[in-house]
Structure formats: C-alpha cells, structure tokens
Amino acid sequence: MLVLSRQRDERIVIGDDVEVVVVDIRGDKVRLGIVAPNTVSVHRKEIYEAIRRENQDASGLQGDVTRFNGVTPGSEAIRRLAQRHQGHGDSRREIA
C-alpha cells in the first residue's frame, strides 16, 4: 500500500486518467474529489461490494436470464442505495 500525505487542494494522479483531490478536511473526515472519465466507475467501498454481491447472485440464476432485459435482480435496490448515499457527499463528477 502506498501512503501519501496531502493537504487541502493538493492532488494525487492515478494512471493517465484519474485524479484525486483533497477538497476539505474537517476533524477526522477528509472530503475527496475524484476526477475520472465516465468509462471509469468510481464507487464507495460499500456500494462496490453490494454491486459485486448482486452480480454474483445474478450469475447463479437458472434458466433464461434474457427475461430480465439486462437488469439484474436487485439492481433497483442497488440504484436506490447509491442514490441515498450520494446525498452524504459531493456526487458531482468532472469530465476530463
């Protein structure tokens, strides 16, 4: 694991396309901004894990999954969970 120290408004670059900027520091919380192309998915860990579980559950379905029209079971619940959590932080996405 690489550990870096950054101050407010300083950035970290990941690869050619992703930047992480320290937006604010309040007590023991750090607000980070992620600048990434739309082709790169960026999720909080708990949302990522929920999506991964849903995909694993969906991959175990028997029969014809085309009846779901490309929507995995539970994906509506994941979408609602992600929307609910967006209100707890800055959900704006900058497009490079």
C-alpha atoms as a PDB file:
ATOM      1  CA  MET A   1       0.000   0.000   0.000  1.00  0.00           C
ATOM      2  CA  LEU A   2       1.287   3.430  -0.919  1.00  0.00           C
ATOM      3  CA  VAL A   3       0.610   6.031   1.791  1.00  0.00           C
ATOM      4  CA  LEU A   4       0.775   9.707   0.830  1.00  0.00           C
ATOM      5  CA  SER A   5       0.295  12.900   2.784  1.00  0.00           C
ATOM      6  CA  ARG A   6      -1.659  15.657   1.068  1.00  0.00           C
ATOM      7  CA  GLN A   7      -3.039  18.994   2.162  1.00  0.00           C
ATOM      8  CA  ARG A   8      -6.238  20.712   1.086  1.00  0.00           C
ATOM      9  CA  ASP A   9      -6.402  21.346  -2.698  1.00  0.00           C
ATOM     10  CA  GLU A  10      -3.470  19.014  -3.386  1.00  0.00           C
ATOM     11  CA  ARG A  11      -3.914  16.183  -5.883  1.00  0.00           C
ATOM     12  CA  ILE A  12      -2.850  12.613  -6.500  1.00  0.00           C
ATOM     13  CA  VAL A  13      -2.753  11.233 -10.037  1.00  0.00           C
ATOM     14  CA  ILE A  14      -3.609   7.583 -10.753  1.00  0.00           C
ATOM     15  CA  GLY A  15      -2.626   6.430 -14.222  1.00  0.00           C
ATOM     16  CA  ASP A  16      -3.275   8.906 -17.034  1.00  0.00           C
ATOM     17  CA  ASP A  17      -6.968   9.488 -16.414  1.00  0.00           C
ATOM     18  CA  VAL A  18      -7.753   9.687 -12.700  1.00  0.00           C
ATOM     19  CA  GLU A  19      -7.052  12.480 -10.212  1.00  0.00           C
ATOM     20  CA  VAL A  20      -7.896  12.521  -6.521  1.00  0.00           C
ATOM     21  CA  VAL A  21      -8.071  15.958  -4.906  1.00  0.00           C
ATOM     22  CA  VAL A  22      -8.346  16.736  -1.201  1.00  0.00           C
ATOM     23  CA  VAL A  23     -11.389  19.027  -1.150  1.00  0.00           C
ATOM     24  CA  ASP A  24     -11.748  19.591   2.572  1.00  0.00           C
ATOM     25  CA  ILE A  25     -10.561  18.348   5.949  1.00  0.00           C
ATOM     26  CA  ARG A  26     -12.935  18.607   8.920  1.00  0.00           C
ATOM     27  CA  GLY A  27     -11.818  16.977  12.134  1.00  0.00           C
ATOM     28  CA  ASP A  28     -11.307  13.290  11.414  1.00  0.00           C
ATOM     29  CA  LYS A  29     -13.028  13.394   7.997  1.00  0.00           C
ATOM     30  CA  VAL A  30     -11.410  14.094   4.666  1.00  0.00           C
ATOM     31  CA  ARG A  31     -13.501  15.015   1.627  1.00  0.00           C
ATOM     32  CA  LEU A  32     -12.026  13.765  -1.620  1.00  0.00           C
ATOM     33  CA  GLY A  33     -12.924  14.719  -5.159  1.00  0.00           C
ATOM     34  CA  ILE A  34     -12.402  12.169  -7.928  1.00  0.00           C
ATOM     35  CA  VAL A  35     -11.817  13.354 -11.490  1.00  0.00           C
ATOM     36  CA  ALA A  36     -12.206  10.414 -13.863  1.00  0.00           C
ATOM     37  CA  PRO A  37     -13.615   9.704 -17.315  1.00  0.00           C
ATOM     38  CA  ASN A  38     -17.150   8.328 -17.443  1.00  0.00           C
ATOM     39  CA  THR A  39     -15.730   4.987 -18.552  1.00  0.00           C
ATOM     40  CA  VAL A  40     -14.132   4.527 -15.112  1.00  0.00           C
ATOM     41  CA  SER A  41     -16.590   3.527 -12.414  1.00  0.00           C
ATOM     42  CA  VAL A  42     -15.977   5.134  -9.036  1.00  0.00           C
ATOM     43  CA  HIS A  43     -17.861   3.794  -6.014  1.00  0.00           C
ATOM     44  CA  ARG A  44     -17.561   3.893  -2.270  1.00  0.00           C
ATOM     45  CA  LYS A  45     -16.432   0.509  -0.967  1.00  0.00           C
ATOM     46  CA  GLU A  46     -19.819  -0.491   0.496  1.00  0.00           C
ATOM     47  CA  ILE A  47     -21.617   0.312  -2.780  1.00  0.00           C
ATOM     48  CA  TYR A  48     -18.999  -1.601  -4.771  1.00  0.00           C
ATOM     49  CA  GLU A  49     -19.413  -4.641  -2.515  1.00  0.00           C
ATOM     50  CA  ALA A  50     -23.213  -4.510  -2.836  1.00  0.00           C
ATOM     51  CA  ILE A  51     -22.968  -4.374  -6.631  1.00  0.00           C
ATOM     52  CA  ARG A  52     -20.491  -7.256  -6.630  1.00  0.00           C
ATOM     53  CA  ARG A  53     -22.806  -9.373  -4.440  1.00  0.00           C
ATOM     54  CA  GLU A  54     -25.758  -8.631  -6.717  1.00  0.00           C
ATOM     55  CA  ASN A  55     -23.730  -9.623  -9.782  1.00  0.00           C
ATOM     56  CA  GLN A  56     -22.643 -12.865  -8.118  1.00  0.00           C
ATOM     57  CA  ASP A  57     -26.238 -13.642  -7.141  1.00  0.00           C
ATOM     58  CA  ALA A  58     -27.448 -12.889 -10.657  1.00  0.00           C
ATOM     59  CA  SER A  59     -24.781 -15.093 -12.240  1.00  0.00           C
ATOM     60  CA  GLY A  60     -26.128 -18.066 -10.292  1.00  0.00           C
ATOM     61  CA  LEU A  61     -29.647 -17.790 -11.750  1.00  0.00           C
ATOM     62  CA  GLN A  62     -31.048 -20.814 -13.563  1.00  0.00           C
ATOM     63  CA  GLY A  63     -32.862 -20.573 -16.874  1.00  0.00           C
ATOM     64  CA  ASP A  64     -33.079 -17.760 -19.394  1.00  0.00           C
ATOM     65  CA  VAL A  65     -31.743 -14.528 -17.895  1.00  0.00           C
ATOM     66  CA  THR A  66     -32.708 -12.546 -21.018  1.00  0.00           C
ATOM     67  CA  ARG A  67     -36.164 -12.175 -19.481  1.00  0.00           C
ATOM     68  CA  PHE A  68     -34.635  -9.567 -17.161  1.00  0.00           C
ATOM     69  CA  ASN A  69     -33.868  -7.324 -20.183  1.00  0.00           C
ATOM     70  CA  GLY A  70     -30.326  -6.698 -18.995  1.00  0.00           C
ATOM     71  CA  VAL A  71     -31.366  -5.735 -15.460  1.00  0.00           C
ATOM     72  CA  THR A  72     -30.055  -7.978 -12.741  1.00  0.00           C
ATOM     73  CA  PRO A  73     -32.399  -8.832  -9.869  1.00  0.00           C
ATOM     74  CA  GLY A  74     -31.937  -6.339  -7.079  1.00  0.00           C
ATOM     75  CA  SER A  75     -30.292  -3.728  -9.294  1.00  0.00           C
ATOM     76  CA  GLU A  76     -33.122  -1.312  -8.469  1.00  0.00           C
ATOM     77  CA  ALA A  77     -32.281  -1.711  -4.786  1.00  0.00           C
ATOM     78  CA  ILE A  78     -28.616  -1.031  -5.518  1.00  0.00           C
ATOM     79  CA  ARG A  79     -29.547   2.059  -7.553  1.00  0.00           C
ATOM     80  CA  ARG A  80     -31.663   3.377  -4.671  1.00  0.00           C
ATOM     81  CA  LEU A  81     -28.875   2.649  -2.183  1.00  0.00           C
ATOM     82  CA  ALA A  82     -26.356   4.507  -4.341  1.00  0.00           C
ATOM     83  CA  GLN A  83     -28.728   7.483  -4.728  1.00  0.00           C
ATOM     84  CA  ARG A  84     -29.339   7.613  -0.984  1.00  0.00           C
ATOM     85  CA  HIS A  85     -25.597   7.668  -0.290  1.00  0.00           C
ATOM     86  CA  GLN A  86     -24.948  10.379  -2.882  1.00  0.00           C
ATOM     87  CA  GLY A  87     -26.683  12.820  -0.576  1.00  0.00           C
ATOM     88  CA  HIS A  88     -23.948  12.248   2.030  1.00  0.00           C
ATOM     89  CA  GLY A  89     -21.185  13.737  -0.075  1.00  0.00           C
ATOM     90  CA  ASP A  90     -20.437  15.666  -3.192  1.00  0.00           C
ATOM     91  CA  SER A  91     -21.596  13.446  -6.038  1.00  0.00           C
ATOM     92  CA  ARG A  92     -20.545  15.774  -8.852  1.00  0.00           C
ATOM     93  CA  ARG A  93     -18.291  14.241 -11.489  1.00  0.00           C
ATOM     94  CA  GLU A  94     -15.853  16.273 -13.508  1.00  0.00           C
ATOM     95  CA  ILE A  95     -15.366  15.152 -17.081  1.00  0.00           C
ATOM     96  CA  ALA A  96     -11.789  15.253 -18.324  1.00  0.00           C
END
